[in-house]
């Protein structure tokens, strides 16, 4: 190989989106799936915390269970 030859392949970059591409739809689908999965995980975490602490954090009310809650005034 001659010293002036570059063995690397040239880099190709896509600067503009092809109008026929459905890339935006794929991004939206992935985003919606991520939002749904995150909401499901949050609901599971809230349920586990509700069971552990016998407290409804969404409605800010104590539930029956091992812990005894009392309201404290500031």
N, C-alpha and C. Protein backbone atom coordinates (compact mmCIF):
# COMPACT_ATOMS: atom_id res chain seq x y z
N UNK A 1 0.86 -1.17 0.00
CA UNK A 1 0.00 0.00 0.00
C UNK A 1 0.90 1.23 0.00
N UNK A 2 0.55 2.17 -0.78
CA UNK A 2 1.33 3.41 -0.87
C UNK A 2 1.04 4.29 0.33
N UNK A 3 1.99 5.11 0.78
CA UNK A 3 1.79 5.94 1.97
C UNK A 3 0.66 6.95 1.84
N UNK A 4 0.27 7.33 0.65
CA UNK A 4 -0.78 8.33 0.48
C UNK A 4 -2.18 7.74 0.43
N UNK A 5 -2.31 6.43 0.39
CA UNK A 5 -3.62 5.78 0.35
C UNK A 5 -4.17 5.62 1.77
N UNK A 6 -5.45 5.86 1.93
CA UNK A 6 -6.11 5.74 3.23
C UNK A 6 -6.85 4.40 3.27
N UNK A 7 -6.50 3.49 4.19
CA UNK A 7 -7.17 2.18 4.23
C UNK A 7 -8.59 2.24 4.79
N UNK A 8 -8.97 3.33 5.40
CA UNK A 8 -10.31 3.45 6.00
C UNK A 8 -11.35 3.79 4.95
N UNK A 9 -12.56 3.33 5.22
CA UNK A 9 -13.67 3.67 4.32
C UNK A 9 -14.16 5.07 4.65
N UNK A 10 -14.69 5.79 3.69
CA UNK A 10 -15.19 7.14 3.97
C UNK A 10 -16.45 7.08 4.83
N UNK A 11 -16.66 8.11 5.61
CA UNK A 11 -17.83 8.21 6.47
C UNK A 11 -18.96 8.84 5.67
N UNK A 12 -20.14 8.25 5.77
CA UNK A 12 -21.31 8.77 5.08
C UNK A 12 -22.31 9.22 6.13
N UNK A 13 -22.77 10.43 6.02
CA UNK A 13 -23.74 10.97 6.98
C UNK A 13 -25.02 11.34 6.26
N UNK A 14 -26.11 11.10 6.94
CA UNK A 14 -27.41 11.47 6.39
C UNK A 14 -27.79 12.82 6.98
N UNK A 15 -27.75 13.85 6.18
CA UNK A 15 -28.00 15.20 6.67
C UNK A 15 -29.48 15.56 6.63
N UNK A 16 -30.21 15.01 5.68
CA UNK A 16 -31.63 15.34 5.53
C UNK A 16 -32.44 14.06 5.46
N UNK A 17 -33.63 14.10 6.06
CA UNK A 17 -34.48 12.92 6.07
C UNK A 17 -35.18 12.77 4.73
N UNK A 18 -35.24 11.56 4.27
CA UNK A 18 -35.95 11.25 3.05
C UNK A 18 -37.45 11.38 3.32
N UNK A 19 -38.17 12.02 2.44
CA UNK A 19 -39.62 12.22 2.65
C UNK A 19 -40.38 10.91 2.69
N UNK A 20 -39.88 9.90 2.03
CA UNK A 20 -40.54 8.61 1.99
C UNK A 20 -40.26 7.79 3.24
N UNK A 21 -39.36 8.26 4.07
CA UNK A 21 -38.96 7.51 5.26
C UNK A 21 -40.06 7.55 6.31
N UNK A 22 -40.22 6.46 7.04
CA UNK A 22 -41.19 6.42 8.14
C UNK A 22 -40.45 6.52 9.47
N UNK A 23 -39.30 7.19 9.46
CA UNK A 23 -38.47 7.31 10.66
C UNK A 23 -39.23 8.02 11.79
N UNK A 24 -39.99 9.06 11.45
CA UNK A 24 -40.76 9.78 12.48
C UNK A 24 -41.78 8.87 13.14
N UNK A 25 -42.41 8.00 12.36
CA UNK A 25 -43.39 7.07 12.91
C UNK A 25 -42.70 6.09 13.86
N UNK A 26 -41.52 5.61 13.48
CA UNK A 26 -40.78 4.68 14.34
C UNK A 26 -40.39 5.36 15.65
N UNK A 27 -39.96 6.60 15.57
CA UNK A 27 -39.59 7.34 16.78
C UNK A 27 -40.81 7.51 17.67
N UNK A 28 -41.94 7.86 17.09
CA UNK A 28 -43.17 8.04 17.86
C UNK A 28 -43.60 6.73 18.52
N UNK A 29 -43.49 5.62 17.78
CA UNK A 29 -43.86 4.32 18.35
C UNK A 29 -42.96 3.96 19.52
N UNK A 30 -41.66 4.18 19.36
CA UNK A 30 -40.73 3.88 20.44
C UNK A 30 -40.99 4.77 21.65
N UNK A 31 -41.28 6.04 21.40
CA UNK A 31 -41.57 6.97 22.49
C UNK A 31 -42.83 6.55 23.23
N UNK A 32 -43.88 6.21 22.49
CA UNK A 32 -45.14 5.80 23.12
C UNK A 32 -44.95 4.51 23.92
N UNK A 33 -44.16 3.58 23.39
CA UNK A 33 -43.89 2.34 24.12
C UNK A 33 -43.11 2.63 25.40
N UNK A 34 -42.17 3.55 25.33
CA UNK A 34 -41.39 3.94 26.51
C UNK A 34 -42.28 4.58 27.56
N UNK A 35 -43.17 5.47 27.15
CA UNK A 35 -44.09 6.12 28.08
C UNK A 35 -45.00 5.09 28.74
N UNK A 36 -45.52 4.16 27.95
CA UNK A 36 -46.41 3.13 28.50
C UNK A 36 -45.68 2.23 29.49
N UNK A 37 -44.46 1.81 29.12
CA UNK A 37 -43.67 0.95 30.00
C UNK A 37 -43.31 1.67 31.30
N UNK A 38 -42.98 2.95 31.20
CA UNK A 38 -42.65 3.74 32.38
C UNK A 38 -43.88 3.89 33.28
N UNK A 39 -45.03 4.11 32.71
CA UNK A 39 -46.27 4.23 33.49
C UNK A 39 -46.59 2.92 34.21
N UNK A 40 -46.37 1.79 33.52
CA UNK A 40 -46.61 0.50 34.15
C UNK A 40 -45.65 0.26 35.31
N UNK A 41 -44.38 0.60 35.12
CA UNK A 41 -43.40 0.42 36.19
C UNK A 41 -43.71 1.33 37.38
N UNK A 42 -44.14 2.55 37.11
CA UNK A 42 -44.51 3.46 38.19
C UNK A 42 -45.71 2.92 38.96
N UNK A 43 -46.69 2.39 38.25
CA UNK A 43 -47.86 1.81 38.91
C UNK A 43 -47.46 0.63 39.79
N UNK A 44 -46.52 -0.19 39.32
CA UNK A 44 -46.05 -1.32 40.12
C UNK A 44 -45.32 -0.82 41.37
N UNK A 45 -44.49 0.19 41.21
CA UNK A 45 -43.76 0.76 42.35
C UNK A 45 -44.73 1.36 43.37
N UNK A 46 -45.75 2.04 42.89
CA UNK A 46 -46.75 2.64 43.80
C UNK A 46 -47.50 1.54 44.55
N UNK A 47 -47.83 0.44 43.88
CA UNK A 47 -48.53 -0.66 44.53
C UNK A 47 -47.65 -1.30 45.59
N UNK A 48 -46.37 -1.49 45.28
CA UNK A 48 -45.46 -2.08 46.27
C UNK A 48 -45.29 -1.16 47.48
N UNK A 49 -45.19 0.15 47.25
CA UNK A 49 -45.07 1.10 48.36
C UNK A 49 -46.36 1.13 49.18
N UNK A 50 -47.51 1.05 48.52
CA UNK A 50 -48.82 1.03 49.21
C UNK A 50 -48.90 -0.17 50.14
N UNK A 51 -48.47 -1.33 49.64
CA UNK A 51 -48.51 -2.55 50.45
C UNK A 51 -47.49 -2.51 51.58
N UNK A 52 -46.31 -1.97 51.31
CA UNK A 52 -45.25 -1.93 52.32
C UNK A 52 -45.60 -0.98 53.46
N UNK A 53 -46.10 0.20 53.13
CA UNK A 53 -46.32 1.24 54.13
C UNK A 53 -47.78 1.41 54.53
N UNK A 54 -48.67 0.60 53.98
CA UNK A 54 -50.12 0.74 54.16
C UNK A 54 -50.55 2.21 54.13
N UNK A 55 -50.14 2.85 53.03
CA UNK A 55 -50.48 4.26 52.82
C UNK A 55 -50.73 4.47 51.34
N UNK A 56 -51.83 5.16 51.03
CA UNK A 56 -52.17 5.48 49.65
C UNK A 56 -51.51 6.82 49.31
N UNK A 57 -50.38 6.77 48.63
CA UNK A 57 -49.62 7.98 48.33
C UNK A 57 -50.30 8.86 47.29
N UNK A 58 -51.11 8.28 46.44
CA UNK A 58 -51.81 9.07 45.43
C UNK A 58 -52.88 9.94 46.06
N UNK A 59 -53.63 9.37 47.02
CA UNK A 59 -54.70 10.11 47.68
C UNK A 59 -54.29 10.66 49.04
N UNK A 60 -53.06 10.36 49.43
CA UNK A 60 -52.50 10.82 50.70
C UNK A 60 -53.39 10.43 51.89
N UNK A 61 -53.75 9.14 51.92
CA UNK A 61 -54.57 8.64 53.02
C UNK A 61 -53.97 7.34 53.57
N UNK A 62 -54.01 7.17 54.89
CA UNK A 62 -53.51 5.93 55.48
C UNK A 62 -54.47 4.77 55.20
N UNK A 63 -53.93 3.58 55.16
CA UNK A 63 -54.72 2.37 54.96
C UNK A 63 -54.55 1.47 56.18
N UNK A 64 -55.40 0.47 56.30
CA UNK A 64 -55.29 -0.48 57.39
C UNK A 64 -54.06 -1.35 57.17
N UNK A 65 -53.31 -1.61 58.25
CA UNK A 65 -52.14 -2.46 58.11
C UNK A 65 -51.24 -2.38 59.33
N UNK A 66 -49.99 -2.74 59.14
CA UNK A 66 -49.03 -2.80 60.24
C UNK A 66 -48.65 -1.44 60.80
N UNK A 67 -48.67 -0.42 59.98
CA UNK A 67 -48.27 0.91 60.42
C UNK A 67 -49.46 1.70 60.92
N UNK A 68 -49.23 2.50 61.92
CA UNK A 68 -50.28 3.37 62.46
C UNK A 68 -49.88 4.81 62.13
N UNK A 69 -50.71 5.45 61.34
CA UNK A 69 -50.41 6.80 60.89
C UNK A 69 -51.20 7.82 61.70
N UNK A 70 -50.59 8.95 61.98
CA UNK A 70 -51.30 10.05 62.63
C UNK A 70 -50.89 11.35 61.97
N UNK A 71 -51.84 12.25 61.85
CA UNK A 71 -51.59 13.53 61.20
C UNK A 71 -50.84 14.46 62.17
N UNK A 72 -49.84 15.16 61.65
CA UNK A 72 -49.06 16.10 62.45
C UNK A 72 -49.29 17.49 61.88
N UNK A 73 -49.62 18.42 62.76
CA UNK A 73 -49.82 19.80 62.35
C UNK A 73 -48.49 20.53 62.36
N UNK A 74 -48.32 21.49 61.46
CA UNK A 74 -47.07 22.27 61.41
C UNK A 74 -46.97 23.23 62.56
